[in-house]
Amino acid sequence: MKKATFAFAAGLVLLSFASCSSSSSFESDVKKMAGFMCRAQKVSAKAATDEAAQKELESIEKEAQAFSEKMKEKYKGMENDKAKNEQAEKIINEEMAKCK
């Protein structure tokens, strides 16, 4: 479970430091990462005692890691845009607030 949390946090850092010329693409990418985080949060509560949930969490982690790698390449060299960092943080906070 800690490994999944770390993977999602790493993905979050990559996206939160990213910049992109297309705001809608950037927003979509950040929302997708938040979606992985939400799914993992929902499943992780069950994963401690449920083997099926553990496998689902591993699957989510693999998907998130693959997406994170793609985003690392997509936003390469654009990590220092303060406005995009703040925008990403806001989007993730909004999406995670909806996660129930």
N, C-alpha and C. Protein backbone atom coordinates (compact mmCIF):
# COMPACT_ATOMS: atom_id res chain seq x y z
N MET A 1 0.83 -1.19 0.00
CA MET A 1 0.00 0.00 0.00
C MET A 1 0.88 1.25 0.00
N LYS A 2 1.98 1.22 0.73
CA LYS A 2 2.88 2.37 0.74
C LYS A 2 3.49 2.58 -0.63
N LYS A 3 3.76 1.47 -1.33
CA LYS A 3 4.34 1.57 -2.68
C LYS A 3 3.36 2.27 -3.62
N ALA A 4 2.08 1.93 -3.50
CA ALA A 4 1.06 2.56 -4.35
C ALA A 4 0.97 4.04 -4.03
N THR A 5 0.97 4.38 -2.77
CA THR A 5 0.90 5.78 -2.37
C THR A 5 2.09 6.54 -2.93
N PHE A 6 3.27 5.92 -2.86
CA PHE A 6 4.46 6.57 -3.38
C PHE A 6 4.36 6.77 -4.89
N ALA A 7 3.88 5.75 -5.60
CA ALA A 7 3.76 5.84 -7.06
C ALA A 7 2.80 6.96 -7.45
N PHE A 8 1.69 7.06 -6.75
CA PHE A 8 0.73 8.12 -7.06
C PHE A 8 1.29 9.48 -6.70
N ALA A 9 2.00 9.55 -5.59
CA ALA A 9 2.61 10.83 -5.21
C ALA A 9 3.65 11.24 -6.25
N ALA A 10 4.41 10.28 -6.73
CA ALA A 10 5.42 10.58 -7.76
C ALA A 10 4.74 11.08 -9.03
N GLY A 11 3.66 10.44 -9.39
CA GLY A 11 2.91 10.88 -10.56
C GLY A 11 2.34 12.26 -10.37
N LEU A 12 1.85 12.50 -9.18
CA LEU A 12 1.31 13.81 -8.85
C LEU A 12 2.38 14.87 -8.96
N VAL A 13 3.55 14.59 -8.45
CA VAL A 13 4.65 15.55 -8.54
C VAL A 13 5.00 15.83 -10.00
N LEU A 14 5.06 14.79 -10.80
CA LEU A 14 5.37 14.98 -12.22
C LEU A 14 4.34 15.87 -12.89
N LEU A 15 3.08 15.61 -12.61
CA LEU A 15 2.04 16.42 -13.24
C LEU A 15 1.95 17.80 -12.63
N SER A 16 2.13 17.89 -11.34
CA SER A 16 1.97 19.20 -10.72
C SER A 16 3.09 20.16 -11.11
N PHE A 17 4.21 19.62 -11.55
CA PHE A 17 5.30 20.47 -12.00
C PHE A 17 5.32 20.64 -13.51
N ALA A 18 4.34 20.06 -14.15
CA ALA A 18 4.32 20.10 -15.62
C ALA A 18 3.65 21.36 -16.14
N SER A 19 3.99 21.65 -17.36
CA SER A 19 3.38 22.76 -18.08
C SER A 19 3.05 22.27 -19.47
N CYS A 20 2.07 22.90 -20.07
CA CYS A 20 1.71 22.49 -21.41
C CYS A 20 1.05 23.65 -22.12
N SER A 21 1.22 23.70 -23.44
CA SER A 21 0.61 24.78 -24.19
C SER A 21 -0.89 24.62 -24.30
N SER A 22 -1.38 23.41 -24.22
CA SER A 22 -2.81 23.16 -24.30
C SER A 22 -3.37 22.96 -22.90
N SER A 23 -4.11 23.95 -22.43
CA SER A 23 -4.65 23.90 -21.08
C SER A 23 -5.62 22.75 -20.89
N SER A 24 -6.44 22.47 -21.90
CA SER A 24 -7.42 21.39 -21.75
C SER A 24 -6.73 20.03 -21.69
N SER A 25 -5.64 19.85 -22.43
CA SER A 25 -4.88 18.61 -22.38
C SER A 25 -4.24 18.45 -21.01
N PHE A 26 -3.66 19.51 -20.52
CA PHE A 26 -3.04 19.50 -19.20
C PHE A 26 -4.08 19.16 -18.14
N GLU A 27 -5.22 19.84 -18.20
CA GLU A 27 -6.28 19.60 -17.22
C GLU A 27 -6.77 18.15 -17.30
N SER A 28 -6.93 17.65 -18.48
CA SER A 28 -7.36 16.27 -18.67
C SER A 28 -6.34 15.29 -18.08
N ASP A 29 -5.07 15.55 -18.30
CA ASP A 29 -4.02 14.69 -17.76
C ASP A 29 -4.02 14.71 -16.23
N VAL A 30 -4.16 15.87 -15.66
CA VAL A 30 -4.19 15.99 -14.20
C VAL A 30 -5.42 15.27 -13.63
N LYS A 31 -6.56 15.44 -14.29
CA LYS A 31 -7.78 14.76 -13.83
C LYS A 31 -7.64 13.25 -13.93
N LYS A 32 -6.97 12.78 -14.97
CA LYS A 32 -6.77 11.34 -15.11
C LYS A 32 -5.91 10.81 -13.97
N MET A 33 -4.85 11.55 -13.62
CA MET A 33 -4.02 11.11 -12.49
C MET A 33 -4.82 11.14 -11.19
N ALA A 34 -5.63 12.16 -11.02
CA ALA A 34 -6.48 12.22 -9.83
C ALA A 34 -7.45 11.04 -9.80
N GLY A 35 -7.90 10.62 -10.98
CA GLY A 35 -8.77 9.45 -11.07
C GLY A 35 -8.08 8.20 -10.57
N PHE A 36 -6.82 8.02 -10.94
CA PHE A 36 -6.05 6.88 -10.43
C PHE A 36 -5.93 6.97 -8.91
N MET A 37 -5.67 8.17 -8.42
CA MET A 37 -5.52 8.36 -6.97
C MET A 37 -6.82 8.03 -6.25
N CYS A 38 -7.93 8.46 -6.82
CA CYS A 38 -9.24 8.21 -6.21
C CYS A 38 -9.53 6.71 -6.18
N ARG A 39 -9.33 6.05 -7.31
CA ARG A 39 -9.57 4.60 -7.38
C ARG A 39 -8.71 3.86 -6.36
N ALA A 40 -7.46 4.25 -6.26
CA ALA A 40 -6.56 3.60 -5.31
C ALA A 40 -7.01 3.84 -3.88
N GLN A 41 -7.45 5.04 -3.61
CA GLN A 41 -7.93 5.37 -2.25
C GLN A 41 -9.12 4.50 -1.88
N LYS A 42 -10.04 4.33 -2.81
CA LYS A 42 -11.24 3.52 -2.55
C LYS A 42 -10.89 2.06 -2.31
N VAL A 43 -9.96 1.53 -3.09
CA VAL A 43 -9.62 0.12 -3.00
C VAL A 43 -8.67 -0.16 -1.84
N SER A 44 -7.82 0.77 -1.50
CA SER A 44 -6.80 0.52 -0.48
C SER A 44 -7.39 0.21 0.89
N ALA A 45 -8.55 0.72 1.19
CA ALA A 45 -9.18 0.41 2.48
C ALA A 45 -9.51 -1.08 2.58
N LYS A 46 -9.88 -1.68 1.47
CA LYS A 46 -10.22 -3.10 1.45
C LYS A 46 -8.99 -3.98 1.27
N ALA A 47 -7.94 -3.44 0.69
CA ALA A 47 -6.78 -4.24 0.30
C ALA A 47 -6.06 -4.90 1.47
N ALA A 48 -6.19 -4.35 2.65
CA ALA A 48 -5.49 -4.92 3.80
C ALA A 48 -5.99 -6.33 4.12
N THR A 49 -7.26 -6.59 3.83
CA THR A 49 -7.83 -7.88 4.20
C THR A 49 -8.42 -8.66 3.02
N ASP A 50 -8.49 -8.08 1.85
CA ASP A 50 -9.14 -8.69 0.70
C ASP A 50 -8.14 -8.90 -0.43
N GLU A 51 -7.92 -10.15 -0.79
CA GLU A 51 -6.93 -10.47 -1.82
C GLU A 51 -7.32 -9.90 -3.19
N ALA A 52 -8.59 -9.94 -3.52
CA ALA A 52 -9.05 -9.39 -4.79
C ALA A 52 -8.79 -7.89 -4.84
N ALA A 53 -9.02 -7.21 -3.72
CA ALA A 53 -8.77 -5.78 -3.65
C ALA A 53 -7.28 -5.49 -3.78
N GLN A 54 -6.45 -6.35 -3.21
CA GLN A 54 -5.00 -6.18 -3.34
C GLN A 54 -4.57 -6.27 -4.79
N LYS A 55 -5.14 -7.23 -5.53
CA LYS A 55 -4.82 -7.38 -6.95
C LYS A 55 -5.32 -6.18 -7.74
N GLU A 56 -6.51 -5.68 -7.40
CA GLU A 56 -7.04 -4.50 -8.08
C GLU A 56 -6.16 -3.29 -7.82
N LEU A 57 -5.69 -3.15 -6.59
CA LEU A 57 -4.81 -2.03 -6.25
C LEU A 57 -3.49 -2.13 -7.03
N GLU A 58 -2.96 -3.33 -7.16
CA GLU A 58 -1.75 -3.52 -7.95
C GLU A 58 -1.98 -3.14 -9.41
N SER A 59 -3.14 -3.49 -9.93
CA SER A 59 -3.49 -3.15 -11.31
C SER A 59 -3.59 -1.63 -11.49
N ILE A 60 -4.24 -0.98 -10.55
CA ILE A 60 -4.35 0.48 -10.59
C ILE A 60 -2.96 1.11 -10.54
N GLU A 61 -2.12 0.57 -9.68
CA GLU A 61 -0.76 1.08 -9.54
C GLU A 61 0.01 0.95 -10.85
N LYS A 62 -0.13 -0.18 -11.53
CA LYS A 62 0.56 -0.38 -12.80
C LYS A 62 0.06 0.60 -13.85
N GLU A 63 -1.26 0.79 -13.91
CA GLU A 63 -1.83 1.75 -14.87
C GLU A 63 -1.32 3.16 -14.59
N ALA A 64 -1.33 3.53 -13.32
CA ALA A 64 -0.88 4.87 -12.93
C ALA A 64 0.60 5.07 -13.24
N GLN A 65 1.39 4.04 -13.01
CA GLN A 65 2.82 4.14 -13.28
C GLN A 65 3.07 4.31 -14.78
N ALA A 66 2.35 3.54 -15.60
CA ALA A 66 2.50 3.66 -17.05
C ALA A 66 2.09 5.05 -17.52
N PHE A 67 0.99 5.56 -16.98
CA PHE A 67 0.52 6.90 -17.33
C PHE A 67 1.53 7.94 -16.89
N SER A 68 2.07 7.76 -15.70
CA SER A 68 3.05 8.69 -15.16
C SER A 68 4.29 8.75 -16.06
N GLU A 69 4.73 7.60 -16.57
CA GLU A 69 5.89 7.57 -17.48
C GLU A 69 5.59 8.34 -18.76
N LYS A 70 4.39 8.17 -19.30
CA LYS A 70 4.01 8.90 -20.51
C LYS A 70 4.01 10.41 -20.25
N MET A 71 3.50 10.80 -19.09
CA MET A 71 3.43 12.22 -18.76
C MET A 71 4.82 12.79 -18.52
N LYS A 72 5.71 11.98 -17.99
CA LYS A 72 7.08 12.42 -17.77
C LYS A 72 7.71 12.83 -19.09
N GLU A 73 7.46 12.04 -20.13
CA GLU A 73 7.98 12.36 -21.46
C GLU A 73 7.23 13.54 -22.08
N LYS A 74 5.92 13.53 -21.95
CA LYS A 74 5.10 14.58 -22.58
C LYS A 74 5.45 15.97 -22.07
N TYR A 75 5.70 16.07 -20.77
CA TYR A 75 5.96 17.37 -20.16
C TYR A 75 7.43 17.59 -19.82
N LYS A 76 8.30 16.82 -20.44
CA LYS A 76 9.73 16.90 -20.18
C LYS A 76 10.24 18.33 -20.41
N GLY A 77 10.98 18.83 -19.45
CA GLY A 77 11.59 20.15 -19.57
C GLY A 77 10.66 21.30 -19.20
N MET A 78 9.49 21.00 -18.73
CA MET A 78 8.52 22.06 -18.42
C MET A 78 8.07 21.98 -16.96
N GLU A 79 9.00 21.71 -16.07
CA GLU A 79 8.66 21.46 -14.68
C GLU A 79 8.55 22.68 -13.78
N ASN A 80 8.96 23.85 -14.23
CA ASN A 80 9.08 25.00 -13.34
C ASN A 80 8.03 26.10 -13.53
N ASP A 81 6.90 25.76 -14.07
CA ASP A 81 5.84 26.74 -14.31
C ASP A 81 4.96 26.83 -13.06
N LYS A 82 5.16 27.89 -12.28
CA LYS A 82 4.44 28.05 -11.01
C LYS A 82 2.93 28.08 -11.19
N ALA A 83 2.46 28.75 -12.22
CA ALA A 83 1.01 28.84 -12.47
C ALA A 83 0.43 27.45 -12.75
N LYS A 84 1.13 26.64 -13.52
CA LYS A 84 0.65 25.28 -13.82
C LYS A 84 0.71 24.40 -12.58
N ASN A 85 1.72 24.59 -11.75
CA ASN A 85 1.81 23.84 -10.50
C ASN A 85 0.58 24.11 -9.64
N GLU A 86 0.24 25.39 -9.52
CA GLU A 86 -0.92 25.77 -8.72
C GLU A 86 -2.22 25.26 -9.34
N GLN A 87 -2.30 25.33 -10.67
CA GLN A 87 -3.49 24.85 -11.36
C GLN A 87 -3.65 23.34 -11.14
N ALA A 88 -2.57 22.58 -11.26
CA ALA A 88 -2.61 21.13 -11.07
C ALA A 88 -3.05 20.79 -9.64
N GLU A 89 -2.49 21.50 -8.69
CA GLU A 89 -2.84 21.25 -7.28
C GLU A 89 -4.32 21.52 -7.05
N LYS A 90 -4.82 22.60 -7.62
CA LYS A 90 -6.23 22.93 -7.47
C LYS A 90 -7.12 21.86 -8.09
N ILE A 91 -6.78 21.42 -9.29
CA ILE A 91 -7.57 20.39 -9.97
C ILE A 91 -7.58 19.11 -9.17
N ILE A 92 -6.43 18.70 -8.69
CA ILE A 92 -6.35 17.45 -7.92
C ILE A 92 -7.15 17.57 -6.63
N ASN A 93 -7.05 18.69 -5.95
CA ASN A 93 -7.82 18.87 -4.73
C ASN A 93 -9.32 18.82 -5.00
N GLU A 94 -9.74 19.44 -6.10
CA GLU A 94 -11.17 19.40 -6.46
C GLU A 94 -11.62 17.99 -6.78
N GLU A 95 -10.83 17.28 -7.56
CA GLU A 95 -11.18 15.91 -7.95
C GLU A 95 -11.19 14.98 -6.74
N MET A 96 -10.22 15.12 -5.87
CA MET A 96 -10.16 14.26 -4.69
C MET A 96 -11.28 14.57 -3.71
N ALA A 97 -11.75 15.81 -3.69
CA ALA A 97 -12.89 16.16 -2.83
C ALA A 97 -14.15 15.44 -3.30
N LYS A 98 -14.24 15.18 -4.60
CA LYS A 98 -15.39 14.46 -5.16
C LYS A 98 -15.28 12.96 -4.96
N CYS A 99 -14.10 12.48 -4.63
CA CYS A 99 -13.83 11.05 -4.52
C CYS A 99 -14.48 10.50 -3.24
N LYS A 100 -15.45 9.66 -3.44
CA LYS A 100 -16.14 9.08 -2.27
C LYS A 100 -16.36 7.62 -2.44
